[in-house]
PDB file of all heavy atoms in Angstrom:
ATOM      1  N   ASN A   1      -8.939 -23.704   5.160  1.00  0.00           N
ATOM      2  CA  ASN A   1      -9.085 -23.204   6.535  1.00  0.00           C
ATOM      3  C   ASN A   1      -8.661 -21.749   6.631  1.00  0.00           C
ATOM      4  O   ASN A   1      -7.930 -21.361   7.560  1.00  0.00           O
ATOM      5  CB  ASN A   1      -8.255 -24.052   7.496  1.00  0.00           C
ATOM      6  CG  ASN A   1      -8.713 -25.505   7.575  1.00  0.00           C
ATOM      7  OD1 ASN A   1      -9.884 -25.763   7.399  1.00  0.00           O
ATOM      8  ND2 ASN A   1      -7.796 -26.425   7.760  1.00  0.00           N
ATOM      9  N   THR A   2      -9.079 -20.968   5.683  1.00  0.00           N
ATOM     10  CA  THR A   2      -8.630 -19.598   5.624  1.00  0.00           C
ATOM     11  C   THR A   2      -9.866 -18.660   5.457  1.00  0.00           C
ATOM     12  O   THR A   2     -10.799 -18.989   4.751  1.00  0.00           O
ATOM     13  CB  THR A   2      -7.704 -19.402   4.426  1.00  0.00           C
ATOM     14  OG1 THR A   2      -6.552 -20.209   4.584  1.00  0.00           O
ATOM     15  CG2 THR A   2      -7.256 -17.917   4.334  1.00  0.00           C
ATOM     16  N   VAL A   3      -9.827 -17.569   6.163  1.00  0.00           N
ATOM     17  CA  VAL A   3     -10.823 -16.525   6.040  1.00  0.00           C
ATOM     18  C   VAL A   3     -10.163 -15.254   5.538  1.00  0.00           C
ATOM     19  O   VAL A   3      -9.028 -14.968   5.900  1.00  0.00           O
ATOM     20  CB  VAL A   3     -11.557 -16.302   7.423  1.00  0.00           C
ATOM     21  CG1 VAL A   3     -10.623 -15.863   8.481  1.00  0.00           C
ATOM     22  CG2 VAL A   3     -12.713 -15.342   7.238  1.00  0.00           C
ATOM     23  N   TYR A   4     -10.877 -14.531   4.684  1.00  0.00           N
ATOM     24  CA  TYR A   4     -10.332 -13.367   4.049  1.00  0.00           C
ATOM     25  C   TYR A   4     -11.192 -12.126   4.407  1.00  0.00           C
ATOM     26  O   TYR A   4     -12.346 -12.214   4.718  1.00  0.00           O
ATOM     27  CB  TYR A   4     -10.344 -13.530   2.536  1.00  0.00           C
ATOM     28  CG  TYR A   4      -9.587 -14.744   2.028  1.00  0.00           C
ATOM     29  CD1 TYR A   4     -10.298 -15.912   1.727  1.00  0.00           C
ATOM     30  CD2 TYR A   4      -8.216 -14.698   1.876  1.00  0.00           C
ATOM     31  CE1 TYR A   4      -9.604 -17.043   1.289  1.00  0.00           C
ATOM     32  CE2 TYR A   4      -7.531 -15.830   1.416  1.00  0.00           C
ATOM     33  CZ  TYR A   4      -8.209 -16.981   1.141  1.00  0.00           C
ATOM     34  OH  TYR A   4      -7.535 -18.078   0.712  1.00  0.00           O
ATOM     35  N   LEU A   5     -10.564 -10.959   4.255  1.00  0.00           N
ATOM     36  CA  LEU A   5     -11.272  -9.712   4.404  1.00  0.00           C
ATOM     37  C   LEU A   5     -10.800  -8.777   3.299  1.00  0.00           C
ATOM     38  O   LEU A   5      -9.653  -8.296   3.340  1.00  0.00           O
ATOM     39  CB  LEU A   5     -11.082  -9.030   5.753  1.00  0.00           C
ATOM     40  CG  LEU A   5     -11.990  -7.833   6.006  1.00  0.00           C
ATOM     41  CD1 LEU A   5     -13.411  -8.210   6.086  1.00  0.00           C
ATOM     42  CD2 LEU A   5     -11.510  -7.091   7.266  1.00  0.00           C
ATOM     43  N   GLN A   6     -11.648  -8.598   2.263  1.00  0.00           N
ATOM     44  CA  GLN A   6     -11.391  -7.674   1.180  1.00  0.00           C
ATOM     45  C   GLN A   6     -11.820  -6.327   1.603  1.00  0.00           C
ATOM     46  O   GLN A   6     -13.016  -6.099   1.930  1.00  0.00           O
ATOM     47  CB  GLN A   6     -12.051  -8.083  -0.117  1.00  0.00           C
ATOM     48  CG  GLN A   6     -11.841  -7.151  -1.246  1.00  0.00           C
ATOM     49  CD  GLN A   6     -10.396  -7.093  -1.750  1.00  0.00           C
ATOM     50  OE1 GLN A   6      -9.771  -8.133  -1.878  1.00  0.00           O
ATOM     51  NE2 GLN A   6      -9.876  -5.911  -1.985  1.00  0.00           N
ATOM     52  N   MET A   7     -10.917  -5.338   1.693  1.00  0.00           N
ATOM     53  CA  MET A   7     -11.211  -4.019   2.140  1.00  0.00           C
ATOM     54  C   MET A   7     -10.974  -3.034   0.996  1.00  0.00           C
ATOM     55  O   MET A   7      -9.873  -2.865   0.512  1.00  0.00           O
ATOM     56  CB  MET A   7     -10.310  -3.644   3.305  1.00  0.00           C
ATOM     57  CG  MET A   7     -10.388  -4.672   4.468  1.00  0.00           C
ATOM     58  SD  MET A   7      -9.484  -4.129   5.917  1.00  0.00           S
ATOM     59  CE  MET A   7      -7.821  -4.061   5.298  1.00  0.00           C
ATOM     60  N   ASN A   8     -12.069  -2.382   0.580  1.00  0.00           N
ATOM     61  CA  ASN A   8     -12.041  -1.388  -0.492  1.00  0.00           C
ATOM     62  C   ASN A   8     -12.398  -0.009   0.041  1.00  0.00           C
ATOM     63  O   ASN A   8     -12.972   0.107   1.130  1.00  0.00           O
ATOM     64  CB  ASN A   8     -12.970  -1.770  -1.601  1.00  0.00           C
ATOM     65  CG  ASN A   8     -12.610  -3.132  -2.231  1.00  0.00           C
ATOM     66  OD1 ASN A   8     -11.466  -3.460  -2.324  1.00  0.00           O
ATOM     67  ND2 ASN A   8     -13.582  -3.826  -2.684  1.00  0.00           N
ATOM     68  N   SER A   9     -12.108   1.014  -0.702  1.00  0.00           N
ATOM     69  CA  SER A   9     -12.448   2.362  -0.293  1.00  0.00           C
ATOM     70  C   SER A   9     -12.003   2.684   1.137  1.00  0.00           C
ATOM     71  O   SER A   9     -12.817   3.214   1.942  1.00  0.00           O
ATOM     72  CB  SER A   9     -13.948   2.603  -0.471  1.00  0.00           C
ATOM     73  OG  SER A   9     -14.336   2.363  -1.805  1.00  0.00           O
ATOM     74  N   LEU A  10     -10.817   2.325   1.424  1.00  0.00           N
ATOM     75  CA  LEU A  10     -10.328   2.461   2.813  1.00  0.00           C
ATOM     76  C   LEU A  10     -10.257   3.912   3.247  1.00  0.00           C
ATOM     77  O   LEU A  10     -10.018   4.837   2.479  1.00  0.00           O
ATOM     78  CB  LEU A  10      -8.960   1.831   2.919  1.00  0.00           C
ATOM     79  CG  LEU A  10      -8.970   0.301   3.022  1.00  0.00           C
ATOM     80  CD1 LEU A  10      -7.597  -0.324   2.723  1.00  0.00           C
ATOM     81  CD2 LEU A  10      -9.383  -0.134   4.450  1.00  0.00           C
ATOM     82  N   LYS A  11     -10.556   4.095   4.564  1.00  0.00           N
ATOM     83  CA  LYS A  11     -10.572   5.490   5.117  1.00  0.00           C
ATOM     84  C   LYS A  11      -9.544   5.521   6.281  1.00  0.00           C
ATOM     85  O   LYS A  11      -9.234   4.438   6.853  1.00  0.00           O
ATOM     86  CB  LYS A  11     -11.951   5.768   5.695  1.00  0.00           C
ATOM     87  CG  LYS A  11     -13.104   5.636   4.677  1.00  0.00           C
ATOM     88  CD  LYS A  11     -14.433   5.836   5.340  1.00  0.00           C
ATOM     89  CE  LYS A  11     -15.576   5.743   4.381  1.00  0.00           C
ATOM     90  NZ  LYS A  11     -16.919   5.951   5.019  1.00  0.00           N
ATOM     91  N   PRO A  12      -9.050   6.691   6.611  1.00  0.00           N
ATOM     92  CA  PRO A  12      -8.145   6.764   7.764  1.00  0.00           C
ATOM     93  C   PRO A  12      -8.620   6.167   9.012  1.00  0.00           C
ATOM     94  O   PRO A  12      -7.879   5.580   9.794  1.00  0.00           O
ATOM     95  CB  PRO A  12      -7.920   8.293   7.871  1.00  0.00           C
ATOM     96  CG  PRO A  12      -8.114   8.804   6.501  1.00  0.00           C
ATOM     97  CD  PRO A  12      -9.221   7.969   5.962  1.00  0.00           C
ATOM     98  N   GLU A  13      -9.964   6.216   9.243  1.00  0.00           N
ATOM     99  CA  GLU A  13     -10.538   5.637  10.454  1.00  0.00           C
ATOM    100  C   GLU A  13     -10.530   4.107  10.465  1.00  0.00           C
ATOM    101  O   GLU A  13     -10.912   3.471  11.445  1.00  0.00           O
ATOM    102  CB  GLU A  13     -11.957   6.149  10.711  1.00  0.00           C
ATOM    103  CG  GLU A  13     -12.883   6.065   9.518  1.00  0.00           C
ATOM    104  CD  GLU A  13     -12.953   7.376   8.675  1.00  0.00           C
ATOM    105  OE1 GLU A  13     -11.875   7.988   8.458  1.00  0.00           O
ATOM    106  OE2 GLU A  13     -14.083   7.741   8.296  1.00  0.00           O
ATOM    107  N   ASP A  14     -10.165   3.488   9.369  1.00  0.00           N
ATOM    108  CA  ASP A  14      -9.984   2.064   9.292  1.00  0.00           C
ATOM    109  C   ASP A  14      -8.657   1.595   9.841  1.00  0.00           C
ATOM    110  O   ASP A  14      -8.393   0.413   9.998  1.00  0.00           O
ATOM    111  CB  ASP A  14     -10.135   1.482   7.893  1.00  0.00           C
ATOM    112  CG  ASP A  14     -11.540   1.713   7.302  1.00  0.00           C
ATOM    113  OD1 ASP A  14     -12.513   1.520   8.054  1.00  0.00           O
ATOM    114  OD2 ASP A  14     -11.636   2.083   6.123  1.00  0.00           O
ATOM    115  N   THR A  15      -7.783   2.568  10.138  1.00  0.00           N
ATOM    116  CA  THR A  15      -6.477   2.238  10.682  1.00  0.00           C
ATOM    117  C   THR A  15      -6.585   1.532  12.013  1.00  0.00           C
ATOM    118  O   THR A  15      -7.228   1.986  12.896  1.00  0.00           O
ATOM    119  CB  THR A  15      -5.629   3.528  10.875  1.00  0.00           C
ATOM    120  OG1 THR A  15      -5.365   4.083   9.555  1.00  0.00           O
ATOM    121  CG2 THR A  15      -4.323   3.259  11.559  1.00  0.00           C
ATOM    122  N   ALA A  16      -5.975   0.341  12.088  1.00  0.00           N
ATOM    123  CA  ALA A  16      -6.081  -0.514  13.260  1.00  0.00           C
ATOM    124  C   ALA A  16      -5.251  -1.751  13.069  1.00  0.00           C
ATOM    125  O   ALA A  16      -4.775  -2.040  11.943  1.00  0.00           O
ATOM    126  CB  ALA A  16      -7.530  -0.893  13.543  1.00  0.00           C
ATOM    127  N   VAL A  17      -5.075  -2.497  14.129  1.00  0.00           N
ATOM    128  CA  VAL A  17      -4.570  -3.861  13.990  1.00  0.00           C
ATOM    129  C   VAL A  17      -5.792  -4.788  13.826  1.00  0.00           C
ATOM    130  O   VAL A  17      -6.725  -4.700  14.603  1.00  0.00           O
ATOM    131  CB  VAL A  17      -3.754  -4.298  15.236  1.00  0.00           C
ATOM    132  CG1 VAL A  17      -3.264  -5.703  15.061  1.00  0.00           C
ATOM    133  CG2 VAL A  17      -2.585  -3.358  15.445  1.00  0.00           C
ATOM    134  N   TYR A  18      -5.736  -5.619  12.778  1.00  0.00           N
ATOM    135  CA  TYR A  18      -6.853  -6.481  12.467  1.00  0.00           C
ATOM    136  C   TYR A  18      -6.509  -7.907  12.894  1.00  0.00           C
ATOM    137  O   TYR A  18      -5.415  -8.428  12.662  1.00  0.00           O
ATOM    138  CB  TYR A  18      -7.159  -6.489  10.954  1.00  0.00           C
ATOM    139  CG  TYR A  18      -7.880  -5.192  10.540  1.00  0.00           C
ATOM    140  CD1 TYR A  18      -7.197  -3.951  10.578  1.00  0.00           C
ATOM    141  CD2 TYR A  18      -9.194  -5.212  10.172  1.00  0.00           C
ATOM    142  CE1 TYR A  18      -7.856  -2.781  10.185  1.00  0.00           C
ATOM    143  CE2 TYR A  18      -9.836  -4.056   9.831  1.00  0.00           C
ATOM    144  CZ  TYR A  18      -9.194  -2.871   9.829  1.00  0.00           C
ATOM    145  OH  TYR A  18      -9.872  -1.705   9.471  1.00  0.00           O
ATOM    146  N   TYR A  19      -7.489  -8.535  13.526  1.00  0.00           N
ATOM    147  CA  TYR A  19      -7.374  -9.898  14.022  1.00  0.00           C
ATOM    148  C   TYR A  19      -8.517 -10.755  13.544  1.00  0.00           C
ATOM    149  O   TYR A  19      -9.618 -10.260  13.277  1.00  0.00           O
ATOM    150  CB  TYR A  19      -7.412  -9.932  15.552  1.00  0.00           C
ATOM    151  CG  TYR A  19      -6.404  -9.059  16.295  1.00  0.00           C
ATOM    152  CD1 TYR A  19      -6.674  -7.723  16.545  1.00  0.00           C
ATOM    153  CD2 TYR A  19      -5.217  -9.636  16.725  1.00  0.00           C
ATOM    154  CE1 TYR A  19      -5.769  -6.960  17.195  1.00  0.00           C
ATOM    155  CE2 TYR A  19      -4.286  -8.866  17.444  1.00  0.00           C
ATOM    156  CZ  TYR A  19      -4.546  -7.540  17.682  1.00  0.00           C
ATOM    157  OH  TYR A  19      -3.702  -6.728  18.345  1.00  0.00           O
ATOM    158  N   CYS A  20      -8.216 -12.023  13.402  1.00  0.00           N
ATOM    159  CA  CYS A  20      -9.376 -12.986  13.151  1.00  0.00           C
ATOM    160  C   CYS A  20      -9.501 -13.861  14.383  1.00  0.00           C
ATOM    161  O   CYS A  20      -8.568 -14.036  15.188  1.00  0.00           O
ATOM    162  CB  CYS A  20      -9.145 -13.768  11.909  1.00  0.00           C
ATOM    163  SG  CYS A  20      -7.877 -14.998  12.026  1.00  0.00           S
ATOM    164  N   ASN A  21     -10.671 -14.384  14.557  1.00  0.00           N
ATOM    165  CA  ASN A  21     -10.972 -15.357  15.632  1.00  0.00           C
ATOM    166  C   ASN A  21     -12.349 -15.964  15.312  1.00  0.00           C
ATOM    167  O   ASN A  21     -13.008 -15.505  14.365  1.00  0.00           O
ATOM    168  CB  ASN A  21     -10.993 -14.666  16.972  1.00  0.00           C
ATOM    169  CG  ASN A  21     -10.595 -15.572  18.126  1.00  0.00           C
ATOM    170  OD1 ASN A  21     -11.049 -16.699  18.199  1.00  0.00           O
ATOM    171  ND2 ASN A  21      -9.703 -15.103  18.968  1.00  0.00           N
ATOM    172  N   ARG A  22     -12.706 -16.916  16.028  1.00  0.00           N
ATOM    173  CA  ARG A  22     -14.076 -17.400  15.858  1.00  0.00           C
ATOM    174  C   ARG A  22     -15.002 -16.392  16.558  1.00  0.00           C
ATOM    175  O   ARG A  22     -14.583 -15.624  17.420  1.00  0.00           O
ATOM    176  CB  ARG A  22     -14.227 -18.825  16.402  1.00  0.00           C
ATOM    177  CG  ARG A  22     -13.978 -18.977  17.874  1.00  0.00           C
ATOM    178  CD  ARG A  22     -14.088 -20.479  18.172  1.00  0.00           C
ATOM    179  NE  ARG A  22     -13.975 -20.782  19.609  1.00  0.00           N
ATOM    180  CZ  ARG A  22     -13.891 -21.943  20.141  1.00  0.00           C
ATOM    181  NH1 ARG A  22     -13.939 -23.022  19.368  1.00  0.00           N
ATOM    182  NH2 ARG A  22     -13.793 -22.103  21.424  1.00  0.00           N
ATOM    183  N   ARG A  23     -16.256 -16.395  16.127  1.00  0.00           N
ATOM    184  CA  ARG A  23     -17.199 -15.410  16.616  1.00  0.00           C
ATOM    185  C   ARG A  23     -17.351 -15.495  18.124  1.00  0.00           C
ATOM    186  O   ARG A  23     -17.406 -14.484  18.801  1.00  0.00           O
ATOM    187  CB  ARG A  23     -18.561 -15.617  15.898  1.00  0.00           C
ATOM    188  CG  ARG A  23     -19.612 -14.625  16.294  1.00  0.00           C
ATOM    189  CD  ARG A  23     -19.227 -13.208  15.910  1.00  0.00           C
ATOM    190  NE  ARG A  23     -20.267 -12.297  16.298  1.00  0.00           N
ATOM    191  CZ  ARG A  23     -20.306 -11.675  17.528  1.00  0.00           C
ATOM    192  NH1 ARG A  23     -19.331 -11.947  18.391  1.00  0.00           N
ATOM    193  NH2 ARG A  23     -21.268 -10.847  17.813  1.00  0.00           N
ATOM    194  N   SER A  24     -17.468 -16.701  18.637  1.00  0.00           N
ATOM    195  CA  SER A  24     -17.638 -16.899  20.079  1.00  0.00           C
ATOM    196  C   SER A  24     -17.654 -18.386  20.384  1.00  0.00           C
ATOM    197  O   SER A  24     -18.211 -19.155  19.605  1.00  0.00           O
ATOM    198  CB  SER A  24     -18.976 -16.260  20.515  1.00  0.00           C
ATOM    199  OG  SER A  24     -19.177 -16.497  21.912  1.00  0.00           O
ATOM    200  N   PRO A  25     -17.020 -18.803  21.460  1.00  0.00           N
ATOM    201  CA  PRO A  25     -16.115 -17.980  22.298  1.00  0.00           C
ATOM    202  C   PRO A  25     -14.753 -17.888  21.607  1.00  0.00           C
ATOM    203  O   PRO A  25     -14.395 -18.694  20.811  1.00  0.00           O
ATOM    204  CB  PRO A  25     -15.994 -18.801  23.579  1.00  0.00           C
ATOM    205  CG  PRO A  25     -16.249 -20.244  23.118  1.00  0.00           C
ATOM    206  CD  PRO A  25     -17.233 -20.139  22.014  1.00  0.00           C
ATOM    207  N   TRP A  26     -14.028 -16.843  22.015  1.00  0.00           N
ATOM    208  CA  TRP A  26     -12.684 -16.663  21.397  1.00  0.00           C
ATOM    209  C   TRP A  26     -11.694 -17.704  21.796  1.00  0.00           C
ATOM    210  O   TRP A  26     -11.777 -18.279  22.899  1.00  0.00           O
ATOM    211  CB  TRP A  26     -12.183 -15.292  21.822  1.00  0.00           C
ATOM    212  CG  TRP A  26     -12.976 -14.143  21.358  1.00  0.00           C
ATOM    213  CD1 TRP A  26     -13.779 -14.111  20.260  1.00  0.00           C
ATOM    214  CD2 TRP A  26     -13.095 -12.855  21.970  1.00  0.00           C
ATOM    215  NE1 TRP A  26     -14.408 -12.845  20.158  1.00  0.00           N
ATOM    216  CE2 TRP A  26     -13.939 -12.077  21.193  1.00  0.00           C
ATOM    217  CE3 TRP A  26     -12.455 -12.311  23.132  1.00  0.00           C
ATOM    218  CZ2 TRP A  26     -14.261 -10.775  21.520  1.00  0.00           C
ATOM    219  CZ3 TRP A  26     -12.807 -10.962  23.438  1.00  0.00           C
ATOM    220  CH2 TRP A  26     -13.673 -10.230  22.642  1.00  0.00           C
ATOM    221  N   VAL A  27     -10.733 -17.923  20.929  1.00  0.00           N
ATOM    222  CA  VAL A  27      -9.607 -18.727  21.264  1.00  0.00           C
ATOM    223  C   VAL A  27      -8.413 -17.801  21.348  1.00  0.00           C
ATOM    224  O   VAL A  27      -8.606 -16.592  21.188  1.00  0.00           O
ATOM    225  CB  VAL A  27      -9.312 -19.880  20.250  1.00  0.00           C
ATOM    226  CG1 VAL A  27     -10.480 -20.825  20.206  1.00  0.00           C
ATOM    227  CG2 VAL A  27      -9.116 -19.227  18.819  1.00  0.00           C
ATOM    228  N   ALA A  28      -7.232 -18.294  21.604  1.00  0.00           N
ATOM    229  CA  ALA A  28      -6.070 -17.425  21.755  1.00  0.00           C
ATOM    230  C   ALA A  28      -5.853 -16.556  20.497  1.00  0.00           C
ATOM    231  O   ALA A  28      -5.887 -17.071  19.398  1.00  0.00           O
ATOM    232  CB  ALA A  28      -4.800 -18.301  22.015  1.00  0.00           C
ATOM    233  N   TRP A  29      -5.652 -15.280  20.725  1.00  0.00           N
ATOM    234  CA  TRP A  29      -5.464 -14.373  19.635  1.00  0.00           C
ATOM    235  C   TRP A  29      -4.156 -14.540  18.912  1.00  0.00           C
ATOM    236  O   TRP A  29      -3.149 -14.846  19.586  1.00  0.00           O
ATOM    237  CB  TRP A  29      -5.623 -12.922  20.107  1.00  0.00           C
ATOM    238  CG  TRP A  29      -6.993 -12.613  20.645  1.00  0.00           C
ATOM    239  CD1 TRP A  29      -7.430 -12.700  21.921  1.00  0.00           C
ATOM    240  CD2 TRP A  29      -8.115 -12.149  19.861  1.00  0.00           C
ATOM    241  NE1 TRP A  29      -8.735 -12.418  21.997  1.00  0.00           N
ATOM    242  CE2 TRP A  29      -9.215 -12.073  20.789  1.00  0.00           C
ATOM    243  CE3 TRP A  29      -8.321 -11.868  18.541  1.00  0.00           C
ATOM    244  CZ2 TRP A  29     -10.455 -11.577  20.375  1.00  0.00           C
ATOM    245  CZ3 TRP A  29      -9.623 -11.403  18.139  1.00  0.00           C
ATOM    246  CH2 TRP A  29     -10.650 -11.284  19.056  1.00  0.00           C
ATOM    247  N   GLY A  30      -4.175 -14.304  17.605  1.00  0.00           N
ATOM    248  CA  GLY A  30      -2.893 -14.293  16.844  1.00  0.00           C
ATOM    249  C   GLY A  30      -2.237 -12.904  17.036  1.00  0.00           C
ATOM    250  O   GLY A  30      -2.629 -12.115  17.808  1.00  0.00           O
ATOM    251  N   GLN A  31      -1.228 -12.703  16.221  1.00  0.00           N
ATOM    252  CA  GLN A  31      -0.453 -11.468  16.378  1.00  0.00           C
ATOM    253  C   GLN A  31      -1.136 -10.288  15.685  1.00  0.00           C
ATOM    254  O   GLN A  31      -0.803  -9.130  15.929  1.00  0.00           O
ATOM    255  CB  GLN A  31       0.975 -11.625  15.751  1.00  0.00           C
ATOM    256  CG  GLN A  31       1.077 -11.501  14.235  1.00  0.00           C
ATOM    257  CD  GLN A  31       0.472 -12.641  13.480  1.00  0.00           C
ATOM    258  OE1 GLN A  31       0.089 -13.664  13.998  1.00  0.00           O
ATOM    259  NE2 GLN A  31       0.342 -12.451  12.139  1.00  0.00           N
ATOM    260  N   GLY A  32      -2.099 -10.564  14.817  1.00  0.00           N
ATOM    261  CA  GLY A  32      -2.772  -9.499  14.106  1.00  0.00           C
ATOM    262  C   GLY A  32      -1.944  -8.988  12.939  1.00  0.00           C
ATOM    263  O   GLY A  32      -0.778  -9.316  12.768  1.00  0.00           O
ATOM    264  N   THR A  33      -2.554  -8.136  12.135  1.00  0.00           N
ATOM    265  CA  THR A  33      -1.879  -7.504  11.028  1.00  0.00           C
ATOM    266  C   THR A  33      -2.234  -6.008  10.984  1.00  0.00           C
ATOM    267  O   THR A  33      -3.412  -5.691  11.083  1.00  0.00           O
ATOM    268  CB  THR A  33      -2.180  -8.204   9.683  1.00  0.00           C
ATOM    269  OG1 THR A  33      -1.363  -7.675   8.661  1.00  0.00           O
ATOM    270  CG2 THR A  33      -3.677  -8.116   9.310  1.00  0.00           C
ATOM    271  N   GLN A  34      -1.238  -5.193  10.892  1.00  0.00           N
ATOM    272  CA  GLN A  34      -1.475  -3.720  10.988  1.00  0.00           C
ATOM    273  C   GLN A  34      -1.928  -3.158   9.662  1.00  0.00           C
ATOM    274  O   GLN A  34      -1.348  -3.437   8.562  1.00  0.00           O
ATOM    275  CB  GLN A  34      -0.150  -3.031  11.345  1.00  0.00           C
ATOM    276  CG  GLN A  34      -0.231  -1.492  11.343  1.00  0.00           C
ATOM    277  CD  GLN A  34      -1.028  -0.938  12.488  1.00  0.00           C
ATOM    278  OE1 GLN A  34      -0.870  -1.324  13.645  1.00  0.00           O
ATOM    279  NE2 GLN A  34      -1.974  -0.030  12.210  1.00  0.00           N
ATOM    280  N   VAL A  35      -3.012  -2.394   9.695  1.00  0.00           N
ATOM    281  CA  VAL A  35      -3.535  -1.656   8.547  1.00  0.00           C
ATOM    282  C   VAL A  35      -3.431  -0.185   8.851  1.00  0.00           C
ATOM    283  O   VAL A  35      -3.992   0.257   9.894  1.00  0.00           O
ATOM    284  CB  VAL A  35      -4.994  -2.089   8.231  1.00  0.00           C
ATOM    285  CG1 VAL A  35      -5.577  -1.204   7.114  1.00  0.00           C
ATOM    286  CG2 VAL A  35      -5.028  -3.554   7.772  1.00  0.00           C
ATOM    287  N   THR A  36      -2.750   0.545   7.976  1.00  0.00           N
ATOM    288  CA  THR A  36      -2.606   1.952   8.193  1.00  0.00           C
ATOM    289  C   THR A  36      -3.094   2.669   6.928  1.00  0.00           C
ATOM    290  O   THR A  36      -2.575   2.365   5.809  1.00  0.00           O
ATOM    291  CB  THR A  36      -1.153   2.352   8.495  1.00  0.00           C
ATOM    292  OG1 THR A  36      -0.714   1.663   9.654  1.00  0.00           O
ATOM    293  CG2 THR A  36      -1.034   3.870   8.764  1.00  0.00           C
TER     294      THR A  36
END
């Protein structure tokens, strides 16, 4: 029950808080994880 996101060749514009959710409709959001 896990989804992954492999991020390569990262750019400064990728800086954000990343969240997962179902595509639609959303359920309650998690806390996210910061990528800088």
